[in-house]
């Protein structure tokens, strides 16, 4: 497996990150892997490597490049703790929808131009905070992004004018949403409202709750890591990409 350190020029600076792909001369369908709020670290690097092993060129950008380089969390994560929440705010504050969409264009452009990436559609997967970012990537590049997956995505459907669900009319991709159980960032009533928005959108999608799997369950360094459900999530992800990315 090749792990290539990369830099991506964006409208707002330079994003660092990694590109993963199997060794050899062949080209692979491109996928963008967006980390959770913990940023690039060993757990997500292993997730990206594993996905690349299924036959993809996987780009993992540092979505928090405006704030700093990995590791982006210099405090022990303790939800509700003042230091933790302060750091979360520092990481997320620059990522307003317009900035996210500018970055998305740059990530797609970089991936599509890389010599290891085959022509054709790409996929995007987001975790936690970046589930909405994955949707916005499909919205700004509708003719390039064919598949989007979100696992334990937070705030996908709110009353705010910046809610990710409002970009659905701009999306052509096939969508998959794996929700967590009892997720304060995406409670049951928000899931139900989101599902109604997906029906109204009219595209191809799947939206389901992983019973007994709590927010962050897919990531091995999370306190709530659920290995059987994480395996199921990986199977759903690879099935989605196998059916959409050629």
C-alpha atoms as a PDB file:
ATOM      1  CA  UNK A   1       0.000   0.000   0.000  1.00  0.00           C
ATOM      2  CA  UNK A   2       1.313   3.451  -0.965  1.00  0.00           C
ATOM      3  CA  UNK A   3       0.771   6.320   1.482  1.00  0.00           C
ATOM      4  CA  UNK A   4       1.602   9.587  -0.270  1.00  0.00           C
ATOM      5  CA  UNK A   5       1.782  12.841   1.677  1.00  0.00           C
ATOM      6  CA  UNK A   6       0.101  15.521  -0.406  1.00  0.00           C
ATOM      7  CA  UNK A   7      -0.688  19.234  -0.433  1.00  0.00           C
ATOM      8  CA  UNK A   8      -3.762  20.734  -2.070  1.00  0.00           C
ATOM      9  CA  UNK A   9      -3.925  24.370  -3.062  1.00  0.00           C
ATOM     10  CA  UNK A  10      -7.309  25.814  -2.142  1.00  0.00           C
ATOM     11  CA  UNK A  11      -8.777  29.290  -2.427  1.00  0.00           C
ATOM     12  CA  UNK A  12      -8.003  29.827   1.258  1.00  0.00           C
ATOM     13  CA  UNK A  13      -4.565  28.233   1.629  1.00  0.00           C
ATOM     14  CA  UNK A  14      -2.926  24.837   1.389  1.00  0.00           C
ATOM     15  CA  UNK A  15      -4.488  21.678   2.778  1.00  0.00           C
ATOM     16  CA  UNK A  16      -2.179  18.861   3.777  1.00  0.00           C
ATOM     17  CA  UNK A  17      -3.210  15.220   3.800  1.00  0.00           C
ATOM     18  CA  UNK A  18      -2.581  11.755   2.383  1.00  0.00           C
ATOM     19  CA  UNK A  19      -3.451   9.712  -0.685  1.00  0.00           C
ATOM     20  CA  UNK A  20      -3.674   5.932  -0.374  1.00  0.00           C
ATOM     21  CA  UNK A  21      -3.582   3.396  -3.182  1.00  0.00           C
ATOM     22  CA  UNK A  22      -2.367  -0.083  -3.936  1.00  0.00           C
ATOM     23  CA  UNK A  23       1.039  -0.486  -5.513  1.00  0.00           C
ATOM     24  CA  UNK A  24       1.296  -0.925  -9.251  1.00  0.00           C
ATOM     25  CA  UNK A  25       0.713   1.034 -12.426  1.00  0.00           C
ATOM     26  CA  UNK A  26      -3.065   0.727 -12.694  1.00  0.00           C
ATOM     27  CA  UNK A  27      -5.431   3.604 -11.994  1.00  0.00           C
ATOM     28  CA  UNK A  28      -8.236   3.446  -9.459  1.00  0.00           C
ATOM     29  CA  UNK A  29     -11.613   5.159  -8.924  1.00  0.00           C
ATOM     30  CA  UNK A  30     -11.181   8.113  -6.597  1.00  0.00           C
ATOM     31  CA  UNK A  31     -12.684   8.455  -3.132  1.00  0.00           C
ATOM     32  CA  UNK A  32     -12.489  11.330  -0.639  1.00  0.00           C
ATOM     33  CA  UNK A  33     -12.348  10.249   3.017  1.00  0.00           C
ATOM     34  CA  UNK A  34     -13.343  13.056   5.393  1.00  0.00           C
ATOM     35  CA  UNK A  35     -12.334  12.469   8.999  1.00  0.00           C
ATOM     36  CA  UNK A  36     -14.392  13.134  12.091  1.00  0.00           C
ATOM     37  CA  UNK A  37     -13.629  16.147  14.263  1.00  0.00           C
ATOM     38  CA  UNK A  38     -10.584  14.382  15.684  1.00  0.00           C
ATOM     39  CA  UNK A  39      -8.853  14.898  12.353  1.00  0.00           C
ATOM     40  CA  UNK A  40      -6.165  12.815  10.680  1.00  0.00           C
ATOM     41  CA  UNK A  41      -4.755  10.206  13.069  1.00  0.00           C
ATOM     42  CA  UNK A  42      -3.841   6.528  13.102  1.00  0.00           C
ATOM     43  CA  UNK A  43      -7.423   5.232  13.296  1.00  0.00           C
ATOM     44  CA  UNK A  44      -8.596   7.150  10.228  1.00  0.00           C
ATOM     45  CA  UNK A  45      -5.376   6.443   8.362  1.00  0.00           C
ATOM     46  CA  UNK A  46      -6.043   2.739   8.836  1.00  0.00           C
ATOM     47  CA  UNK A  47      -9.647   3.184   7.654  1.00  0.00           C
ATOM     48  CA  UNK A  48      -8.410   4.934   4.503  1.00  0.00           C
ATOM     49  CA  UNK A  49      -5.803   2.222   3.877  1.00  0.00           C
ATOM     50  CA  UNK A  50      -8.420  -0.487   4.233  1.00  0.00           C
ATOM     51  CA  UNK A  51     -10.732   1.219   1.763  1.00  0.00           C
ATOM     52  CA  UNK A  52      -7.871   1.690  -0.694  1.00  0.00           C
ATOM     53  CA  UNK A  53      -7.224  -2.036  -0.420  1.00  0.00           C
ATOM     54  CA  UNK A  54     -10.638  -2.597  -2.006  1.00  0.00           C
ATOM     55  CA  UNK A  55      -9.426  -0.959  -5.208  1.00  0.00           C
ATOM     56  CA  UNK A  56      -9.697   2.799  -4.714  1.00  0.00           C
ATOM     57  CA  UNK A  57      -7.396   5.806  -4.602  1.00  0.00           C
ATOM     58  CA  UNK A  58      -8.391   7.382  -1.288  1.00  0.00           C
ATOM     59  CA  UNK A  59      -7.720  11.049  -0.566  1.00  0.00           C
ATOM     60  CA  UNK A  60      -7.787  12.056   3.103  1.00  0.00           C
ATOM     61  CA  UNK A  61      -7.404  15.841   3.361  1.00  0.00           C
ATOM     62  CA  UNK A  62      -6.849  17.715   6.587  1.00  0.00           C
ATOM     63  CA  UNK A  63     -10.213  19.483   6.610  1.00  0.00           C
ATOM     64  CA  UNK A  64      -8.981  21.624   9.520  1.00  0.00           C
ATOM     65  CA  UNK A  65      -5.944  22.996   7.677  1.00  0.00           C
ATOM     66  CA  UNK A  66      -6.977  26.581   8.433  1.00  0.00           C
ATOM     67  CA  UNK A  67      -6.477  25.895  12.134  1.00  0.00           C
ATOM     68  CA  UNK A  68      -3.456  23.601  12.128  1.00  0.00           C
ATOM     69  CA  UNK A  69      -1.743  20.406  11.082  1.00  0.00           C
ATOM     70  CA  UNK A  70      -2.444  16.981  12.618  1.00  0.00           C
ATOM     71  CA  UNK A  71      -2.807  16.160  15.407  1.00  0.00           C
ATOM     72  CA  UNK A  72      -5.491  18.821  15.650  1.00  0.00           C
ATOM     73  CA  UNK A  73      -6.795  17.784  19.063  1.00  0.00           C
ATOM     74  CA  UNK A  74      -4.256  18.566  21.770  1.00  0.00           C
ATOM     75  CA  UNK A  75      -6.679  17.878  24.622  1.00  0.00           C
ATOM     76  CA  UNK A  76      -8.248  14.688  25.906  1.00  0.00           C
ATOM     77  CA  UNK A  77     -11.731  14.563  24.414  1.00  0.00           C
ATOM     78  CA  UNK A  78     -14.340  14.956  27.124  1.00  0.00           C
ATOM     79  CA  UNK A  79     -17.725  16.036  25.779  1.00  0.00           C
ATOM     80  CA  UNK A  80     -18.957  19.006  27.785  1.00  0.00           C
ATOM     81  CA  UNK A  81     -15.490  19.813  29.108  1.00  0.00           C
ATOM     82  CA  UNK A  82     -14.622  23.479  28.609  1.00  0.00           C
ATOM     83  CA  UNK A  83     -11.228  22.847  26.983  1.00  0.00           C
ATOM     84  CA  UNK A  84     -12.636  20.214  24.636  1.00  0.00           C
ATOM     85  CA  UNK A  85     -15.538  22.360  23.523  1.00  0.00           C
ATOM     86  CA  UNK A  86     -13.272  25.369  23.069  1.00  0.00           C
ATOM     87  CA  UNK A  87     -11.017  23.345  20.776  1.00  0.00           C
ATOM     88  CA  UNK A  88     -13.990  21.998  18.827  1.00  0.00           C
ATOM     89  CA  UNK A  89     -15.077  25.595  18.269  1.00  0.00           C
ATOM     90  CA  UNK A  90     -11.637  26.589  17.029  1.00  0.00           C
ATOM     91  CA  UNK A  91     -11.654  23.737  14.530  1.00  0.00           C
ATOM     92  CA  UNK A  92     -15.168  24.199  13.203  1.00  0.00           C
ATOM     93  CA  UNK A  93     -15.565  27.998  13.220  1.00  0.00           C
ATOM     94  CA  UNK A  94     -13.761  28.569   9.878  1.00  0.00           C
ATOM     95  CA  UNK A  95     -15.790  25.861   8.137  1.00  0.00           C
ATOM     96  CA  UNK A  96     -18.792  27.879   7.081  1.00  0.00           C
ATOM     97  CA  UNK A  97     -20.716  26.426   4.114  1.00  0.00           C
ATOM     98  CA  UNK A  98     -19.032  28.686   1.572  1.00  0.00           C
ATOM     99  CA  UNK A  99     -15.562  27.656   2.779  1.00  0.00           C
ATOM    100  CA  UNK A 100     -16.517  23.974   2.790  1.00  0.00           C
ATOM    101  CA  UNK A 101     -17.740  24.213  -0.790  1.00  0.00           C
ATOM    102  CA  UNK A 102     -14.570  25.990  -1.932  1.00  0.00           C
ATOM    103  CA  UNK A 103     -12.507  23.248  -0.328  1.00  0.00           C
ATOM    104  CA  UNK A 104     -14.693  20.551  -1.871  1.00  0.00           C
ATOM    105  CA  UNK A 105     -14.022  21.847  -5.362  1.00  0.00           C
ATOM    106  CA  UNK A 106     -10.286  21.840  -4.672  1.00  0.00           C
ATOM    107  CA  UNK A 107     -10.321  18.302  -3.264  1.00  0.00           C
ATOM    108  CA  UNK A 108     -12.269  16.944  -6.235  1.00  0.00           C
ATOM    109  CA  UNK A 109     -10.058  18.762  -8.719  1.00  0.00           C
ATOM    110  CA  UNK A 110      -6.895  17.444  -7.067  1.00  0.00           C
ATOM    111  CA  UNK A 111      -8.145  13.872  -6.915  1.00  0.00           C
ATOM    112  CA  UNK A 112      -9.430  13.836 -10.491  1.00  0.00           C
ATOM    113  CA  UNK A 113      -6.084  15.143 -11.792  1.00  0.00           C
ATOM    114  CA  UNK A 114      -3.895  12.655  -9.916  1.00  0.00           C
ATOM    115  CA  UNK A 115      -2.125  10.110 -12.096  1.00  0.00           C
ATOM    116  CA  UNK A 116      -3.289   7.190  -9.946  1.00  0.00           C
ATOM    117  CA  UNK A 117      -6.975   8.058 -10.364  1.00  0.00           C
ATOM    118  CA  UNK A 118      -9.051   6.731 -13.224  1.00  0.00           C
ATOM    119  CA  UNK A 119     -11.411   8.955 -15.226  1.00  0.00           C
ATOM    120  CA  UNK A 120     -15.004   8.921 -14.176  1.00  0.00           C
ATOM    121  CA  UNK A 121     -17.058   9.471 -11.057  1.00  0.00           C
ATOM    122  CA  UNK A 122     -15.730   9.646  -7.502  1.00  0.00           C
ATOM    123  CA  UNK A 123     -17.185   8.882  -4.098  1.00  0.00           C
ATOM    124  CA  UNK A 124     -17.109  10.717  -0.770  1.00  0.00           C
ATOM    125  CA  UNK A 125     -17.480   9.440   2.779  1.00  0.00           C
ATOM    126  CA  UNK A 126     -17.823  11.576   5.885  1.00  0.00           C
ATOM    127  CA  UNK A 127     -17.860  10.755   9.578  1.00  0.00           C
ATOM    128  CA  UNK A 128     -19.519  12.689  12.386  1.00  0.00           C
ATOM    129  CA  UNK A 129     -19.002  16.391  11.686  1.00  0.00           C
ATOM    130  CA  UNK A 130     -18.085  15.776   8.039  1.00  0.00           C
ATOM    131  CA  UNK A 131     -21.245  13.930   7.005  1.00  0.00           C
ATOM    132  CA  UNK A 132     -22.678  17.288   5.980  1.00  0.00           C
ATOM    133  CA  UNK A 133     -19.410  18.199   4.260  1.00  0.00           C
ATOM    134  CA  UNK A 134     -19.680  15.057   2.146  1.00  0.00           C
ATOM    135  CA  UNK A 135     -23.150  16.171   1.047  1.00  0.00           C
ATOM    136  CA  UNK A 136     -21.853  19.621   0.140  1.00  0.00           C
ATOM    137  CA  UNK A 137     -19.081  18.054  -1.931  1.00  0.00           C
ATOM    138  CA  UNK A 138     -21.695  16.245  -4.006  1.00  0.00           C
ATOM    139  CA  UNK A 139     -23.743  19.442  -4.267  1.00  0.00           C
ATOM    140  CA  UNK A 140     -20.907  21.549  -5.703  1.00  0.00           C
ATOM    141  CA  UNK A 141     -19.651  18.809  -8.045  1.00  0.00           C
ATOM    142  CA  UNK A 142     -22.874  17.017  -9.050  1.00  0.00           C
ATOM    143  CA  UNK A 143     -21.528  15.723 -12.348  1.00  0.00           C
ATOM    144  CA  UNK A 144     -18.400  14.246 -10.749  1.00  0.00           C
ATOM    145  CA  UNK A 145     -19.556  12.827  -7.392  1.00  0.00           C
ATOM    146  CA  UNK A 146     -21.649   9.688  -7.886  1.00  0.00           C
ATOM    147  CA  UNK A 147     -21.819   8.358  -4.322  1.00  0.00           C
ATOM    148  CA  UNK A 148     -21.869   9.804  -0.811  1.00  0.00           C
ATOM    149  CA  UNK A 149     -21.876   7.980   2.513  1.00  0.00           C
ATOM    150  CA  UNK A 150     -22.234   9.467   5.992  1.00  0.00           C
ATOM    151  CA  UNK A 151     -21.754   7.566   9.247  1.00  0.00           C
ATOM    152  CA  UNK A 152     -23.007   8.979  12.551  1.00  0.00           C
ATOM    153  CA  UNK A 153     -23.294  12.331  10.788  1.00  0.00           C
ATOM    154  CA  UNK A 154     -24.303  15.183  13.060  1.00  0.00           C
ATOM    155  CA  UNK A 155     -26.613  18.102  12.312  1.00  0.00           C
ATOM    156  CA  UNK A 156     -27.665  16.833   8.900  1.00  0.00           C
ATOM    157  CA  UNK A 157     -31.148  18.281   9.251  1.00  0.00           C
ATOM    158  CA  UNK A 158     -31.773  21.318  11.423  1.00  0.00           C
ATOM    159  CA  UNK A 159     -33.849  24.483  11.316  1.00  0.00           C
ATOM    160  CA  UNK A 160     -30.799  26.591  10.483  1.00  0.00           C
ATOM    161  CA  UNK A 161     -30.559  28.186   7.019  1.00  0.00           C
ATOM    162  CA  UNK A 162     -27.199  26.425   6.636  1.00  0.00           C
ATOM    163  CA  UNK A 163     -28.552  22.918   7.309  1.00  0.00           C
ATOM    164  CA  UNK A 164     -26.929  20.317   5.001  1.00  0.00           C
ATOM    165  CA  UNK A 165     -30.282  18.838   3.971  1.00  0.00           C
ATOM    166  CA  UNK A 166     -31.032  22.044   2.081  1.00  0.00           C
ATOM    167  CA  UNK A 167     -28.384  21.174  -0.541  1.00  0.00           C
ATOM    168  CA  UNK A 168     -30.232  18.000  -1.577  1.00  0.00           C
ATOM    169  CA  UNK A 169     -31.794  19.585  -4.720  1.00  0.00           C
ATOM    170  CA  UNK A 170     -28.263  20.151  -6.052  1.00  0.00           C
ATOM    171  CA  UNK A 171     -27.161  16.539  -5.561  1.00  0.00           C
ATOM    172  CA  UNK A 172     -27.243  13.826  -8.230  1.00  0.00           C
ATOM    173  CA  UNK A 173     -25.271  11.208  -6.302  1.00  0.00           C
ATOM    174  CA  UNK A 174     -26.545   8.035  -4.697  1.00  0.00           C
ATOM    175  CA  UNK A 175     -26.629   8.566  -0.919  1.00  0.00           C
ATOM    176  CA  UNK A 176     -26.208   6.374   2.144  1.00  0.00           C
ATOM    177  CA  UNK A 177     -26.720   7.474   5.755  1.00  0.00           C
ATOM    178  CA  UNK A 178     -25.859   5.282   8.730  1.00  0.00           C
ATOM    179  CA  UNK A 179     -27.195   6.985  11.860  1.00  0.00           C
ATOM    180  CA  UNK A 180     -26.185   6.331  15.438  1.00  0.00           C
ATOM    181  CA  UNK A 181     -28.544   5.312  18.210  1.00  0.00           C
ATOM    182  CA  UNK A 182     -29.567   8.055  20.664  1.00  0.00           C
ATOM    183  CA  UNK A 183     -27.335  10.615  18.955  1.00  0.00           C
ATOM    184  CA  UNK A 184     -27.721  14.080  20.457  1.00  0.00           C
ATOM    185  CA  UNK A 185     -26.250  15.581  17.280  1.00  0.00           C
ATOM    186  CA  UNK A 186     -28.848  13.764  15.161  1.00  0.00           C
ATOM    187  CA  UNK A 187     -31.825  12.785  17.369  1.00  0.00           C
ATOM    188  CA  UNK A 188     -34.676  10.594  16.179  1.00  0.00           C
ATOM    189  CA  UNK A 189     -36.920  13.525  15.288  1.00  0.00           C
ATOM    190  CA  UNK A 190     -34.132  14.985  13.119  1.00  0.00           C
ATOM    191  CA  UNK A 191     -33.653  11.613  11.400  1.00  0.00           C
ATOM    192  CA  UNK A 192     -37.371  11.445  10.648  1.00  0.00           C
ATOM    193  CA  UNK A 193     -37.383  14.983   9.255  1.00  0.00           C
ATOM    194  CA  UNK A 194     -34.283  14.178   7.219  1.00  0.00           C
ATOM    195  CA  UNK A 195     -35.902  11.043   5.804  1.00  0.00           C
ATOM    196  CA  UNK A 196     -38.886  13.111   4.676  1.00  0.00           C
ATOM    197  CA  UNK A 197     -36.502  15.511   2.943  1.00  0.00           C
ATOM    198  CA  UNK A 198     -34.816  12.578   1.199  1.00  0.00           C
ATOM    199  CA  UNK A 199     -38.165  11.283  -0.048  1.00  0.00           C
ATOM    200  CA  UNK A 200     -39.032  14.743  -1.373  1.00  0.00           C
ATOM    201  CA  UNK A 201     -35.619  14.946  -3.043  1.00  0.00           C
ATOM    202  CA  UNK A 202     -36.452  11.856  -5.101  1.00  0.00           C
ATOM    203  CA  UNK A 203     -32.986  10.443  -5.685  1.00  0.00           C
ATOM    204  CA  UNK A 204     -31.526   7.067  -4.770  1.00  0.00           C
ATOM    205  CA  UNK A 205     -30.698   6.751  -1.086  1.00  0.00           C
ATOM    206  CA  UNK A 206     -30.687   4.576   1.991  1.00  0.00           C
ATOM    207  CA  UNK A 207     -31.043   5.877   5.537  1.00  0.00           C
ATOM    208  CA  UNK A 208     -30.926   3.614   8.578  1.00  0.00           C
ATOM    209  CA  UNK A 209     -30.160   3.586  12.283  1.00  0.00           C
ATOM    210  CA  UNK A 210     -27.492   1.186  13.574  1.00  0.00           C
ATOM    211  CA  UNK A 211     -29.160  -0.204  16.659  1.00  0.00           C
ATOM    212  CA  UNK A 212     -26.938  -0.283  19.716  1.00  0.00           C
ATOM    213  CA  UNK A 213     -24.232   1.740  17.947  1.00  0.00           C
ATOM    214  CA  UNK A 214     -23.551   5.154  19.426  1.00  0.00           C
ATOM    215  CA  UNK A 215     -22.041   8.300  17.942  1.00  0.00           C
ATOM    216  CA  UNK A 216     -18.520   7.469  16.759  1.00  0.00           C
ATOM    217  CA  UNK A 217     -18.996   3.709  16.624  1.00  0.00           C
ATOM    218  CA  UNK A 218     -17.067   3.210  13.366  1.00  0.00           C
ATOM    219  CA  UNK A 219     -13.728   4.553  14.618  1.00  0.00           C
ATOM    220  CA  UNK A 220     -11.444   2.195  16.517  1.00  0.00           C
ATOM    221  CA  UNK A 221     -10.111   4.793  18.969  1.00  0.00           C
ATOM    222  CA  UNK A 222     -13.587   5.953  20.018  1.00  0.00           C
ATOM    223  CA  UNK A 223     -14.811   4.875  23.488  1.00  0.00           C
ATOM    224  CA  UNK A 224     -18.031   3.632  21.845  1.00  0.00           C
ATOM    225  CA  UNK A 225     -16.321   1.678  19.045  1.00  0.00           C
ATOM    226  CA  UNK A 226     -18.604  -1.191  18.042  1.00  0.00           C
ATOM    227  CA  UNK A 227     -16.607  -3.667  15.994  1.00  0.00           C
ATOM    228  CA  UNK A 228     -19.486  -5.739  14.555  1.00  0.00           C
ATOM    229  CA  UNK A 229     -21.422  -2.623  13.554  1.00  0.00           C
ATOM    230  CA  UNK A 230     -18.256  -0.986  12.226  1.00  0.00           C
ATOM    231  CA  UNK A 231     -17.753  -4.022   9.987  1.00  0.00           C
ATOM    232  CA  UNK A 232     -21.317  -3.744   8.776  1.00  0.00           C
ATOM    233  CA  UNK A 233     -20.775  -0.050   8.025  1.00  0.00           C
ATOM    234  CA  UNK A 234     -17.654  -0.869   6.014  1.00  0.00           C
ATOM    235  CA  UNK A 235     -19.588  -3.460   4.033  1.00  0.00           C
ATOM    236  CA  UNK A 236     -22.308  -0.915   3.248  1.00  0.00           C
ATOM    237  CA  UNK A 237     -19.677   1.624   2.208  1.00  0.00           C
ATOM    238  CA  UNK A 238     -17.843  -0.734  -0.130  1.00  0.00           C
ATOM    239  CA  UNK A 239     -21.134  -1.989  -1.561  1.00  0.00           C
ATOM    240  CA  UNK A 240     -22.163   1.595  -2.345  1.00  0.00           C
ATOM    241  CA  UNK A 241     -18.891   2.374  -4.093  1.00  0.00           C
ATOM    242  CA  UNK A 242     -18.802  -0.941  -5.956  1.00  0.00           C
ATOM    243  CA  UNK A 243     -22.235  -0.174  -7.412  1.00  0.00           C
ATOM    244  CA  UNK A 244     -21.476   3.419  -8.416  1.00  0.00           C
ATOM    245  CA  UNK A 245     -17.760   3.850  -9.118  1.00  0.00           C
ATOM    246  CA  UNK A 246     -16.341   2.064 -12.150  1.00  0.00           C
END
